[in-house]
């Protein structure tokens, strides 16, 4: 990875950035700053819906995170894919 970003947001789970700092991220991007997200876990335990397999949930949350970041204008999302605790 050789890209350079002004701001790095590191979170534990997919969607944590949106709940915590989405307003700030939108402000920074509107001001011309570049942002990268680093998501530590894959989010396979983030639901009460027992019909979803952990693998399906992890893929859903990954896509939702990508979509949300794209909507805000985040330059890149890096997934470390650690198991959710």
Protein backbone atom coordinates (compact mmCIF):
# COMPACT_ATOMS: atom_id res chain seq x y z
CA UNK A 1 0.00 0.00 0.00
CA UNK A 2 1.67 3.16 -1.20
CA UNK A 3 -1.31 5.50 -1.04
CA UNK A 4 -1.12 8.37 1.40
CA UNK A 5 -4.10 9.47 3.49
CA UNK A 6 -4.56 12.44 5.77
CA UNK A 7 -6.70 10.65 8.34
CA UNK A 8 -6.84 7.02 9.48
CA UNK A 9 -9.89 5.78 11.37
CA UNK A 10 -9.27 2.51 13.25
CA UNK A 11 -12.32 0.67 14.58
CA UNK A 12 -13.10 -2.72 16.05
CA UNK A 13 -16.18 -3.68 14.04
CA UNK A 14 -17.81 -2.88 10.71
CA UNK A 15 -20.16 0.12 11.21
CA UNK A 16 -18.34 1.45 14.30
CA UNK A 17 -16.98 4.37 12.30
CA UNK A 18 -20.46 5.34 11.13
CA UNK A 19 -21.82 5.30 14.67
CA UNK A 20 -18.83 7.15 16.07
CA UNK A 21 -17.31 9.58 13.61
CA UNK A 22 -19.31 9.69 10.36
CA UNK A 23 -20.13 13.37 10.80
CA UNK A 24 -16.48 14.24 11.28
CA UNK A 25 -15.45 12.04 8.34
CA UNK A 26 -18.00 13.76 6.10
CA UNK A 27 -16.71 17.17 7.25
CA UNK A 28 -13.06 16.25 6.63
CA UNK A 29 -13.79 14.82 3.20
CA UNK A 30 -15.83 17.90 2.25
CA UNK A 31 -12.80 19.96 3.30
CA UNK A 32 -10.60 18.00 0.90
CA UNK A 33 -8.95 15.58 3.33
CA UNK A 34 -8.45 11.94 2.42
CA UNK A 35 -9.60 9.21 4.81
CA UNK A 36 -8.86 5.51 5.19
CA UNK A 37 -10.69 3.09 7.48
CA UNK A 38 -9.05 0.12 9.19
CA UNK A 39 -11.62 -2.38 10.50
CA UNK A 40 -10.12 -4.89 12.93
CA UNK A 41 -12.73 -7.65 13.15
CA UNK A 42 -14.95 -9.27 10.55
CA UNK A 43 -18.18 -8.67 12.51
CA UNK A 44 -19.46 -12.23 12.31
CA UNK A 45 -21.14 -11.95 15.72
CA UNK A 46 -22.92 -8.63 15.28
CA UNK A 47 -26.55 -9.77 15.13
CA UNK A 48 -29.27 -11.40 17.17
CA UNK A 49 -30.60 -13.15 14.04
CA UNK A 50 -29.69 -16.80 14.63
CA UNK A 51 -30.69 -17.77 11.08
CA UNK A 52 -27.56 -16.10 9.66
CA UNK A 53 -24.34 -18.10 9.58
CA UNK A 54 -21.25 -16.26 10.85
CA UNK A 55 -19.78 -16.38 7.34
CA UNK A 56 -22.89 -14.86 5.77
CA UNK A 57 -23.08 -12.17 8.41
CA UNK A 58 -19.39 -11.29 8.02
CA UNK A 59 -19.82 -10.89 4.26
CA UNK A 60 -22.97 -8.79 4.71
CA UNK A 61 -21.26 -6.50 7.20
CA UNK A 62 -18.20 -6.19 4.98
CA UNK A 63 -20.36 -5.08 2.05
CA UNK A 64 -22.37 -2.69 4.24
CA UNK A 65 -19.12 -1.16 5.49
CA UNK A 66 -17.82 -0.73 1.95
CA UNK A 67 -21.11 0.87 0.88
CA UNK A 68 -21.18 3.29 3.83
CA UNK A 69 -17.55 4.29 3.31
CA UNK A 70 -18.17 4.83 -0.38
CA UNK A 71 -21.19 7.02 0.36
CA UNK A 72 -19.05 9.21 2.63
CA UNK A 73 -16.18 9.34 0.16
CA UNK A 74 -13.68 7.33 2.19
CA UNK A 75 -10.74 6.46 -0.03
CA UNK A 76 -10.14 2.91 1.16
CA UNK A 77 -11.32 0.35 3.71
CA UNK A 78 -8.81 -2.18 5.02
CA UNK A 79 -10.23 -5.26 6.73
CA UNK A 80 -7.91 -7.08 9.14
CA UNK A 81 -10.51 -9.89 9.42
CA UNK A 82 -9.77 -10.81 13.01
CA UNK A 83 -12.48 -12.95 14.65
CA UNK A 84 -15.13 -10.95 16.49
CA UNK A 85 -15.12 -11.38 20.25
